[in-house]
Amino acid sequence: MLEALGDPTRRSIFESLAAGPRSVAEIANGLPVSRPAVSQHLKVLKDAGLVSSTAVGTRRLHAVDPQGLAAIRGYFDQFWNQALAAFAEAAEKPPEEKT
């Protein structure tokens, strides 16, 4: 998942979908890439589990996949929790033990 978001264009596409479902044309309007390029980036994001799509009439709308987003959050939360635990341990040490 992180590799998929490593590309700046894919990250921009992913971030634009945070506002809600969008078509390829709507996504491409805000980027300096073609619609076919947006489609290719969406495929990478879908394969990574970060984006889902649904058919609405003759269009396909793409949206952030909540399960993929939860997985990324879980990944980063583990580091946050470790950092908070280390901070709490350091803060609870008596002043003479701190270096």
PDB file of N, CA and C in Angstrom:
ATOM      1  N   MET A   1       0.814  -1.196   0.000  1.00  0.00           N
ATOM      2  CA  MET A   1       0.000   0.000   0.000  1.00  0.00           C
ATOM      3  C   MET A   1       0.859   1.261   0.000  1.00  0.00           C
ATOM      4  N   LEU A   2       1.907   1.220   0.784  1.00  0.00           N
ATOM      5  CA  LEU A   2       2.766   2.405   0.857  1.00  0.00           C
ATOM      6  C   LEU A   2       3.477   2.641  -0.467  1.00  0.00           C
ATOM      7  N   GLU A   3       3.834   1.562  -1.157  1.00  0.00           N
ATOM      8  CA  GLU A   3       4.470   1.719  -2.464  1.00  0.00           C
ATOM      9  C   GLU A   3       3.508   2.407  -3.430  1.00  0.00           C
ATOM     10  N   ALA A   4       2.243   2.026  -3.386  1.00  0.00           N
ATOM     11  CA  ALA A   4       1.251   2.636  -4.277  1.00  0.00           C
ATOM     12  C   ALA A   4       1.136   4.129  -4.019  1.00  0.00           C
ATOM     13  N   LEU A   5       1.225   4.521  -2.765  1.00  0.00           N
ATOM     14  CA  LEU A   5       1.119   5.939  -2.415  1.00  0.00           C
ATOM     15  C   LEU A   5       2.438   6.684  -2.546  1.00  0.00           C
ATOM     16  N   GLY A   6       3.509   5.955  -2.864  1.00  0.00           N
ATOM     17  CA  GLY A   6       4.817   6.586  -3.021  1.00  0.00           C
ATOM     18  C   GLY A   6       4.914   7.483  -4.240  1.00  0.00           C
ATOM     19  N   ASP A   7       4.089   7.213  -5.230  1.00  0.00           N
ATOM     20  CA  ASP A   7       4.084   8.034  -6.441  1.00  0.00           C
ATOM     21  C   ASP A   7       3.258   9.300  -6.183  1.00  0.00           C
ATOM     22  N   PRO A   8       3.810  10.482  -6.467  1.00  0.00           N
ATOM     23  CA  PRO A   8       3.086  11.729  -6.170  1.00  0.00           C
ATOM     24  C   PRO A   8       1.743  11.854  -6.894  1.00  0.00           C
ATOM     25  N   THR A   9       1.659  11.367  -8.123  1.00  0.00           N
ATOM     26  CA  THR A   9       0.389  11.463  -8.851  1.00  0.00           C
ATOM     27  C   THR A   9      -0.654  10.557  -8.216  1.00  0.00           C
ATOM     28  N   ARG A  10      -0.255   9.334  -7.873  1.00  0.00           N
ATOM     29  CA  ARG A  10      -1.209   8.421  -7.224  1.00  0.00           C
ATOM     30  C   ARG A  10      -1.646   8.970  -5.882  1.00  0.00           C
ATOM     31  N   ARG A  11      -0.707   9.567  -5.148  1.00  0.00           N
ATOM     32  CA  ARG A  11      -1.067  10.153  -3.863  1.00  0.00           C
ATOM     33  C   ARG A  11      -2.068  11.288  -4.047  1.00  0.00           C
ATOM     34  N   SER A  12      -1.886  12.099  -5.085  1.00  0.00           N
ATOM     35  CA  SER A  12      -2.833  13.186  -5.373  1.00  0.00           C
ATOM     36  C   SER A  12      -4.205  12.636  -5.716  1.00  0.00           C
ATOM     37  N   ILE A  13      -4.228  11.571  -6.491  1.00  0.00           N
ATOM     38  CA  ILE A  13      -5.503  10.943  -6.846  1.00  0.00           C
ATOM     39  C   ILE A  13      -6.186  10.424  -5.589  1.00  0.00           C
ATOM     40  N   PHE A  14      -5.442   9.718  -4.759  1.00  0.00           N
ATOM     41  CA  PHE A  14      -5.988   9.174  -3.518  1.00  0.00           C
ATOM     42  C   PHE A  14      -6.530  10.286  -2.632  1.00  0.00           C
ATOM     43  N   GLU A  15      -5.769  11.356  -2.494  1.00  0.00           N
ATOM     44  CA  GLU A  15      -6.197  12.485  -1.660  1.00  0.00           C
ATOM     45  C   GLU A  15      -7.437  13.159  -2.228  1.00  0.00           C
ATOM     46  N   SER A  16      -7.542  13.230  -3.557  1.00  0.00           N
ATOM     47  CA  SER A  16      -8.727  13.855  -4.157  1.00  0.00           C
ATOM     48  C   SER A  16      -9.983  13.025  -3.899  1.00  0.00           C
ATOM     49  N   LEU A  17      -9.812  11.720  -3.763  1.00  0.00           N
ATOM     50  CA  LEU A  17     -10.962  10.854  -3.505  1.00  0.00           C
ATOM     51  C   LEU A  17     -11.446  10.946  -2.059  1.00  0.00           C
ATOM     52  N   ALA A  18     -10.664  11.553  -1.200  1.00  0.00           N
ATOM     53  CA  ALA A  18     -11.091  11.736   0.186  1.00  0.00           C
ATOM     54  C   ALA A  18     -12.331  12.624   0.273  1.00  0.00           C
ATOM     55  N   ALA A  19     -12.515  13.487  -0.719  1.00  0.00           N
ATOM     56  CA  ALA A  19     -13.681  14.381  -0.736  1.00  0.00           C
ATOM     57  C   ALA A  19     -14.939  13.647  -1.185  1.00  0.00           C
ATOM     58  N   GLY A  20     -14.782  12.454  -1.740  1.00  0.00           N
ATOM     59  CA  GLY A  20     -15.937  11.678  -2.186  1.00  0.00           C
ATOM     60  C   GLY A  20     -15.663  11.008  -3.520  1.00  0.00           C
ATOM     61  N   PRO A  21     -16.569  10.134  -3.927  1.00  0.00           N
ATOM     62  CA  PRO A  21     -16.395   9.395  -5.183  1.00  0.00           C
ATOM     63  C   PRO A  21     -16.307  10.331  -6.383  1.00  0.00           C
ATOM     64  N   ARG A  22     -15.444   9.947  -7.332  1.00  0.00           N
ATOM     65  CA  ARG A  22     -15.249  10.769  -8.525  1.00  0.00           C
ATOM     66  C   ARG A  22     -15.019   9.872  -9.728  1.00  0.00           C
ATOM     67  N   SER A  23     -15.338  10.386 -10.878  1.00  0.00           N
ATOM     68  CA  SER A  23     -15.073   9.687 -12.133  1.00  0.00           C
ATOM     69  C   SER A  23     -13.638   9.982 -12.575  1.00  0.00           C
ATOM     70  N   VAL A  24     -13.154   9.209 -13.547  1.00  0.00           N
ATOM     71  CA  VAL A  24     -11.820   9.437 -14.085  1.00  0.00           C
ATOM     72  C   VAL A  24     -11.719  10.855 -14.645  1.00  0.00           C
ATOM     73  N   ALA A  25     -12.750  11.296 -15.342  1.00  0.00           N
ATOM     74  CA  ALA A  25     -12.735  12.644 -15.928  1.00  0.00           C
ATOM     75  C   ALA A  25     -12.614  13.709 -14.842  1.00  0.00           C
ATOM     76  N   GLU A  26     -13.351  13.550 -13.754  1.00  0.00           N
ATOM     77  CA  GLU A  26     -13.290  14.523 -12.659  1.00  0.00           C
ATOM     78  C   GLU A  26     -11.903  14.535 -12.008  1.00  0.00           C
ATOM     79  N   ILE A  27     -11.332  13.369 -11.851  1.00  0.00           N
ATOM     80  CA  ILE A  27      -9.993  13.282 -11.254  1.00  0.00           C
ATOM     81  C   ILE A  27      -8.967  13.923 -12.184  1.00  0.00           C
ATOM     82  N   ALA A  28      -9.054  13.597 -13.470  1.00  0.00           N
ATOM     83  CA  ALA A  28      -8.083  14.099 -14.448  1.00  0.00           C
ATOM     84  C   ALA A  28      -8.139  15.616 -14.586  1.00  0.00           C
ATOM     85  N   ASN A  29      -9.305  16.218 -14.366  1.00  0.00           N
ATOM     86  CA  ASN A  29      -9.431  17.679 -14.480  1.00  0.00           C
ATOM     87  C   ASN A  29      -8.508  18.411 -13.519  1.00  0.00           C
ATOM     88  N   GLY A  30      -8.211  17.807 -12.385  1.00  0.00           N
ATOM     89  CA  GLY A  30      -7.371  18.482 -11.406  1.00  0.00           C
ATOM     90  C   GLY A  30      -5.900  18.109 -11.480  1.00  0.00           C
ATOM     91  N   LEU A  31      -5.527  17.322 -12.496  1.00  0.00           N
ATOM     92  CA  LEU A  31      -4.147  16.844 -12.584  1.00  0.00           C
ATOM     93  C   LEU A  31      -3.541  17.117 -13.959  1.00  0.00           C
ATOM     94  N   PRO A  32      -2.225  17.215 -14.022  1.00  0.00           N
ATOM     95  CA  PRO A  32      -1.567  17.445 -15.308  1.00  0.00           C
ATOM     96  C   PRO A  32      -1.262  16.137 -16.057  1.00  0.00           C
ATOM     97  N   VAL A  33      -2.164  15.152 -15.953  1.00  0.00           N
ATOM     98  CA  VAL A  33      -1.992  13.877 -16.655  1.00  0.00           C
ATOM     99  C   VAL A  33      -3.273  13.544 -17.416  1.00  0.00           C
ATOM    100  N   SER A  34      -3.151  12.648 -18.370  1.00  0.00           N
ATOM    101  CA  SER A  34      -4.290  12.280 -19.212  1.00  0.00           C
ATOM    102  C   SER A  34      -5.247  11.340 -18.473  1.00  0.00           C
ATOM    103  N   ARG A  35      -6.436  11.174 -19.032  1.00  0.00           N
ATOM    104  CA  ARG A  35      -7.398  10.235 -18.453  1.00  0.00           C
ATOM    105  C   ARG A  35      -6.868   8.809 -18.457  1.00  0.00           C
ATOM    106  N   PRO A  36      -6.230   8.360 -19.563  1.00  0.00           N
ATOM    107  CA  PRO A  36      -5.668   7.008 -19.518  1.00  0.00           C
ATOM    108  C   PRO A  36      -4.614   6.840 -18.413  1.00  0.00           C
ATOM    109  N   ALA A  37      -3.826   7.881 -18.168  1.00  0.00           N
ATOM    110  CA  ALA A  37      -2.830   7.813 -17.092  1.00  0.00           C
ATOM    111  C   ALA A  37      -3.518   7.722 -15.733  1.00  0.00           C
ATOM    112  N   VAL A  38      -4.596   8.476 -15.547  1.00  0.00           N
ATOM    113  CA  VAL A  38      -5.360   8.407 -14.293  1.00  0.00           C
ATOM    114  C   VAL A  38      -5.910   7.001 -14.111  1.00  0.00           C
ATOM    115  N   SER A  39      -6.427   6.408 -15.182  1.00  0.00           N
ATOM    116  CA  SER A  39      -6.950   5.044 -15.108  1.00  0.00           C
ATOM    117  C   SER A  39      -5.870   4.053 -14.689  1.00  0.00           C
ATOM    118  N   GLN A  40      -4.672   4.217 -15.215  1.00  0.00           N
ATOM    119  CA  GLN A  40      -3.573   3.326 -14.841  1.00  0.00           C
ATOM    120  C   GLN A  40      -3.200   3.499 -13.367  1.00  0.00           C
ATOM    121  N   HIS A  41      -3.184   4.730 -12.911  1.00  0.00           N
ATOM    122  CA  HIS A  41      -2.883   4.979 -11.499  1.00  0.00           C
ATOM    123  C   HIS A  41      -3.989   4.407 -10.608  1.00  0.00           C
ATOM    124  N   LEU A  42      -5.232   4.543 -11.034  1.00  0.00           N
ATOM    125  CA  LEU A  42      -6.344   3.982 -10.261  1.00  0.00           C
ATOM    126  C   LEU A  42      -6.240   2.468 -10.162  1.00  0.00           C
ATOM    127  N   LYS A  43      -5.780   1.829 -11.226  1.00  0.00           N
ATOM    128  CA  LYS A  43      -5.614   0.375 -11.200  1.00  0.00           C
ATOM    129  C   LYS A  43      -4.597  -0.027 -10.145  1.00  0.00           C
ATOM    130  N   VAL A  44      -3.496   0.692 -10.064  1.00  0.00           N
ATOM    131  CA  VAL A  44      -2.479   0.407  -9.047  1.00  0.00           C
ATOM    132  C   VAL A  44      -3.074   0.591  -7.648  1.00  0.00           C
ATOM    133  N   LEU A  45      -3.825   1.665  -7.453  1.00  0.00           N
ATOM    134  CA  LEU A  45      -4.450   1.922  -6.156  1.00  0.00           C
ATOM    135  C   LEU A  45      -5.489   0.862  -5.824  1.00  0.00           C
ATOM    136  N   LYS A  46      -6.239   0.403  -6.820  1.00  0.00           N
ATOM    137  CA  LYS A  46      -7.224  -0.663  -6.602  1.00  0.00           C
ATOM    138  C   LYS A  46      -6.530  -1.971  -6.256  1.00  0.00           C
ATOM    139  N   ASP A  47      -5.465  -2.293  -6.981  1.00  0.00           N
ATOM    140  CA  ASP A  47      -4.712  -3.520  -6.708  1.00  0.00           C
ATOM    141  C   ASP A  47      -4.106  -3.514  -5.308  1.00  0.00           C
ATOM    142  N   ALA A  48      -3.784  -2.323  -4.804  1.00  0.00           N
ATOM    143  CA  ALA A  48      -3.224  -2.181  -3.456  1.00  0.00           C
ATOM    144  C   ALA A  48      -4.320  -2.198  -2.384  1.00  0.00           C
ATOM    145  N   GLY A  49      -5.576  -2.188  -2.795  1.00  0.00           N
ATOM    146  CA  GLY A  49      -6.682  -2.207  -1.843  1.00  0.00           C
ATOM    147  C   GLY A  49      -7.038  -0.853  -1.270  1.00  0.00           C
ATOM    148  N   LEU A  50      -6.585   0.203  -1.914  1.00  0.00           N
ATOM    149  CA  LEU A  50      -6.837   1.548  -1.395  1.00  0.00           C
ATOM    150  C   LEU A  50      -8.035   2.236  -2.014  1.00  0.00           C
ATOM    151  N   VAL A  51      -8.447   1.766  -3.189  1.00  0.00           N
ATOM    152  CA  VAL A  51      -9.538   2.396  -3.927  1.00  0.00           C
ATOM    153  C   VAL A  51     -10.501   1.319  -4.410  1.00  0.00           C
ATOM    154  N   SER A  52     -11.765   1.651  -4.405  1.00  0.00           N
ATOM    155  CA  SER A  52     -12.780   0.765  -4.979  1.00  0.00           C
ATOM    156  C   SER A  52     -13.543   1.554  -6.045  1.00  0.00           C
ATOM    157  N   SER A  53     -14.243   0.832  -6.901  1.00  0.00           N
ATOM    158  CA  SER A  53     -15.028   1.518  -7.930  1.00  0.00           C
ATOM    159  C   SER A  53     -16.366   0.823  -8.094  1.00  0.00           C
ATOM    160  N   THR A  54     -17.359   1.624  -8.476  1.00  0.00           N
ATOM    161  CA  THR A  54     -18.698   1.102  -8.721  1.00  0.00           C
ATOM    162  C   THR A  54     -19.241   1.718 -10.001  1.00  0.00           C
ATOM    163  N   ALA A  55     -20.055   0.943 -10.685  1.00  0.00           N
ATOM    164  CA  ALA A  55     -20.697   1.432 -11.904  1.00  0.00           C
ATOM    165  C   ALA A  55     -21.935   2.229 -11.519  1.00  0.00           C
ATOM    166  N   VAL A  56     -22.045   3.417 -12.107  1.00  0.00           N
ATOM    167  CA  VAL A  56     -23.221   4.265 -11.918  1.00  0.00           C
ATOM    168  C   VAL A  56     -23.648   4.687 -13.314  1.00  0.00           C
ATOM    169  N   GLY A  57     -24.631   3.998 -13.845  1.00  0.00           N
ATOM    170  CA  GLY A  57     -25.029   4.249 -15.226  1.00  0.00           C
ATOM    171  C   GLY A  57     -23.906   3.843 -16.160  1.00  0.00           C
ATOM    172  N   THR A  58     -23.475   4.759 -16.995  1.00  0.00           N
ATOM    173  CA  THR A  58     -22.408   4.468 -17.940  1.00  0.00           C
ATOM    174  C   THR A  58     -21.028   4.873 -17.397  1.00  0.00           C
ATOM    175  N   ARG A  59     -21.004   5.398 -16.188  1.00  0.00           N
ATOM    176  CA  ARG A  59     -19.735   5.846 -15.594  1.00  0.00           C
ATOM    177  C   ARG A  59     -19.311   4.918 -14.475  1.00  0.00           C
ATOM    178  N   ARG A  60     -18.045   4.978 -14.149  1.00  0.00           N
ATOM    179  CA  ARG A  60     -17.520   4.292 -12.975  1.00  0.00           C
ATOM    180  C   ARG A  60     -17.042   5.367 -12.006  1.00  0.00           C
ATOM    181  N   LEU A  61     -17.496   5.250 -10.783  1.00  0.00           N
ATOM    182  CA  LEU A  61     -17.061   6.178  -9.746  1.00  0.00           C
ATOM    183  C   LEU A  61     -16.059   5.477  -8.848  1.00  0.00           C
ATOM    184  N   HIS A  62     -14.998   6.164  -8.540  1.00  0.00           N
ATOM    185  CA  HIS A  62     -13.913   5.628  -7.730  1.00  0.00           C
ATOM    186  C   HIS A  62     -13.928   6.327  -6.379  1.00  0.00           C
ATOM    187  N   ALA A  63     -13.641   5.550  -5.340  1.00  0.00           N
ATOM    188  CA  ALA A  63     -13.678   6.092  -3.981  1.00  0.00           C
ATOM    189  C   ALA A  63     -12.593   5.426  -3.143  1.00  0.00           C
ATOM    190  N   VAL A  64     -12.236   6.073  -2.043  1.00  0.00           N
ATOM    191  CA  VAL A  64     -11.296   5.489  -1.090  1.00  0.00           C
ATOM    192  C   VAL A  64     -11.958   4.255  -0.490  1.00  0.00           C
ATOM    193  N   ASP A  65     -11.221   3.157  -0.418  1.00  0.00           N
ATOM    194  CA  ASP A  65     -11.725   1.930   0.197  1.00  0.00           C
ATOM    195  C   ASP A  65     -11.479   2.020   1.703  1.00  0.00           C
ATOM    196  N   PRO A  66     -12.542   2.033   2.505  1.00  0.00           N
ATOM    197  CA  PRO A  66     -12.372   2.202   3.955  1.00  0.00           C
ATOM    198  C   PRO A  66     -11.506   1.112   4.591  1.00  0.00           C
ATOM    199  N   GLN A  67     -11.578  -0.112   4.069  1.00  0.00           N
ATOM    200  CA  GLN A  67     -10.758  -1.187   4.640  1.00  0.00           C
ATOM    201  C   GLN A  67      -9.272  -0.944   4.368  1.00  0.00           C
ATOM    202  N   GLY A  68      -8.954  -0.478   3.173  1.00  0.00           N
ATOM    203  CA  GLY A  68      -7.570  -0.163   2.852  1.00  0.00           C
ATOM    204  C   GLY A  68      -7.051   0.985   3.698  1.00  0.00           C
ATOM    205  N   LEU A  69      -7.895   1.980   3.888  1.00  0.00           N
ATOM    206  CA  LEU A  69      -7.510   3.121   4.725  1.00  0.00           C
ATOM    207  C   LEU A  69      -7.289   2.681   6.170  1.00  0.00           C
ATOM    208  N   ALA A  70      -8.129   1.779   6.649  1.00  0.00           N
ATOM    209  CA  ALA A  70      -7.977   1.262   8.007  1.00  0.00           C
ATOM    210  C   ALA A  70      -6.666   0.486   8.149  1.00  0.00           C
ATOM    211  N   ALA A  71      -6.285  -0.241   7.112  1.00  0.00           N
ATOM    212  CA  ALA A  71      -5.031  -0.988   7.157  1.00  0.00           C
ATOM    213  C   ALA A  71      -3.828  -0.052   7.240  1.00  0.00           C
ATOM    214  N   ILE A  72      -3.860   1.028   6.473  1.00  0.00           N
ATOM    215  CA  ILE A  72      -2.767   2.007   6.533  1.00  0.00           C
ATOM    216  C   ILE A  72      -2.721   2.658   7.907  1.00  0.00           C
ATOM    217  N   ARG A  73      -3.879   3.020   8.416  1.00  0.00           N
ATOM    218  CA  ARG A  73      -3.911   3.637   9.737  1.00  0.00           C
ATOM    219  C   ARG A  73      -3.361   2.691  10.797  1.00  0.00           C
ATOM    220  N   GLY A  74      -3.739   1.424  10.710  1.00  0.00           N
ATOM    221  CA  GLY A  74      -3.223   0.434  11.653  1.00  0.00           C
ATOM    222  C   GLY A  74      -1.717   0.326  11.601  1.00  0.00           C
ATOM    223  N   TYR A  75      -1.181   0.379  10.394  1.00  0.00           N
ATOM    224  CA  TYR A  75       0.268   0.313  10.217  1.00  0.00           C
ATOM    225  C   TYR A  75       0.951   1.484  10.927  1.00  0.00           C
ATOM    226  N   PHE A  76       0.447   2.704  10.707  1.00  0.00           N
ATOM    227  CA  PHE A  76       1.067   3.872  11.323  1.00  0.00           C
ATOM    228  C   PHE A  76       0.754   3.977  12.812  1.00  0.00           C
ATOM    229  N   ASP A  77      -0.402   3.486  13.234  1.00  0.00           N
ATOM    230  CA  ASP A  77      -0.748   3.527  14.655  1.00  0.00           C
ATOM    231  C   ASP A  77       0.241   2.734  15.500  1.00  0.00           C
ATOM    232  N   GLN A  78       0.769   1.639  14.942  1.00  0.00           N
ATOM    233  CA  GLN A  78       1.724   0.851  15.727  1.00  0.00           C
ATOM    234  C   GLN A  78       2.956   1.682  16.084  1.00  0.00           C
ATOM    235  N   PHE A  79       3.402   2.525  15.152  1.00  0.00           N
ATOM    236  CA  PHE A  79       4.557   3.381  15.435  1.00  0.00           C
ATOM    237  C   PHE A  79       4.187   4.477  16.421  1.00  0.00           C
ATOM    238  N   TRP A  80       2.997   5.028  16.258  1.00  0.00           N
ATOM    239  CA  TRP A  80       2.529   6.079  17.155  1.00  0.00           C
ATOM    240  C   TRP A  80       2.423   5.531  18.582  1.00  0.00           C
ATOM    241  N   ASN A  81       1.856   4.335  18.714  1.00  0.00           N
ATOM    242  CA  ASN A  81       1.708   3.731  20.039  1.00  0.00           C
ATOM    243  C   ASN A  81       3.068   3.450  20.674  1.00  0.00           C
ATOM    244  N   GLN A  82       4.033   3.004  19.884  1.00  0.00           N
ATOM    245  CA  GLN A  82       5.382   2.766  20.406  1.00  0.00           C
ATOM    246  C   GLN A  82       6.020   4.082  20.855  1.00  0.00           C
ATOM    247  N   ALA A  83       5.844   5.120  20.064  1.00  0.00           N
ATOM    248  CA  ALA A  83       6.416   6.421  20.408  1.00  0.00           C
ATOM    249  C   ALA A  83       5.787   6.966  21.689  1.00  0.00           C
ATOM    250  N   LEU A  84       4.481   6.817  21.834  1.00  0.00           N
ATOM    251  CA  LEU A  84       3.814   7.296  23.057  1.00  0.00           C
ATOM    252  C   LEU A  84       4.274   6.513  24.274  1.00  0.00           C
ATOM    253  N   ALA A  85       4.441   5.211  24.123  1.00  0.00           N
ATOM    254  CA  ALA A  85       4.907   4.388  25.248  1.00  0.00           C
ATOM    255  C   ALA A  85       6.322   4.788  25.652  1.00  0.00           C
ATOM    256  N   ALA A  86       7.195   5.033  24.676  1.00  0.00           N
ATOM    257  CA  ALA A  86       8.560   5.448  24.974  1.00  0.00           C
ATOM    258  C   ALA A  86       8.570   6.819  25.658  1.00  0.00           C
ATOM    259  N   PHE A  87       7.705   7.723  25.207  1.00  0.00           N
ATOM    260  CA  PHE A  87       7.615   9.050  25.826  1.00  0.00           C
ATOM    261  C   PHE A  87       7.132   8.928  27.265  1.00  0.00           C
ATOM    262  N   ALA A  88       6.098   8.112  27.485  1.00  0.00           N
ATOM    263  CA  ALA A  88       5.565   7.945  28.840  1.00  0.00           C
ATOM    264  C   ALA A  88       6.632   7.362  29.765  1.00  0.00           C
ATOM    265  N   GLU A  89       7.388   6.393  29.258  1.00  0.00           N
ATOM    266  CA  GLU A  89       8.456   5.788  30.071  1.00  0.00           C
ATOM    267  C   GLU A  89       9.516   6.826  30.427  1.00  0.00           C
ATOM    268  N   ALA A  90       9.909   7.636  29.452  1.00  0.00           N
ATOM    269  CA  ALA A  90      10.919   8.662  29.702  1.00  0.00           C
ATOM    270  C   ALA A  90      10.396   9.730  30.664  1.00  0.00           C
ATOM    271  N   ALA A  91       9.133  10.089  30.525  1.00  0.00           N
ATOM    272  CA  ALA A  91       8.559  11.147  31.378  1.00  0.00           C
ATOM    273  C   ALA A  91       8.399  10.682  32.815  1.00  0.00           C
ATOM    274  N   GLU A  92       8.245   9.376  33.031  1.00  0.00           N
ATOM    275  CA  GLU A  92       8.034   8.864  34.375  1.00  0.00           C
ATOM    276  C   GLU A  92       9.333   8.585  35.128  1.00  0.00           C
ATOM    277  N   LYS A  93      10.471   8.652  34.453  1.00  0.00           N
ATOM    278  CA  LYS A  93      11.760   8.433  35.117  1.00  0.00           C
ATOM    279  C   LYS A  93      12.037   9.583  36.078  1.00  0.00           C
ATOM    280  N   PRO A  94      12.618   9.270  37.210  1.00  0.00           N
ATOM    281  CA  PRO A  94      13.029  10.354  38.109  1.00  0.00           C
ATOM    282  C   PRO A  94      14.059  11.230  37.430  1.00  0.00           C
ATOM    283  N   PRO A  95      14.116  12.519  37.773  1.00  0.00           N
ATOM    284  CA  PRO A  95      15.035  13.444  37.113  1.00  0.00           C
ATOM    285  C   PRO A  95      16.492  12.990  37.123  1.00  0.00           C
ATOM    286  N   GLU A  96      16.947  12.324  38.181  1.00  0.00           N
ATOM    287  CA  GLU A  96      18.349  11.919  38.243  1.00  0.00           C
ATOM    288  C   GLU A  96      18.677  10.790  37.271  1.00  0.00           C
ATOM    289  N   GLU A  97      17.668  10.053  36.782  1.00  0.00           N
ATOM    290  CA  GLU A  97      17.908   8.968  35.832  1.00  0.00           C
ATOM    291  C   GLU A  97      17.890   9.451  34.398  1.00  0.00           C
ATOM    292  N   LYS A  98      17.340  10.622  34.144  1.00  0.00           N
ATOM    293  CA  LYS A  98      17.251  11.147  32.784  1.00  0.00           C
ATOM    294  C   LYS A  98      18.619  11.591  32.310  1.00  0.00           C
ATOM    295  N   THR A  99      18.911  11.313  31.058  1.00  0.00           N
ATOM    296  CA  THR A  99      20.184  11.754  30.491  1.00  0.00           C
ATOM    297  C   THR A  99      19.969  12.642  29.310  1.00  0.00           C
TER     298      THR A  99
END
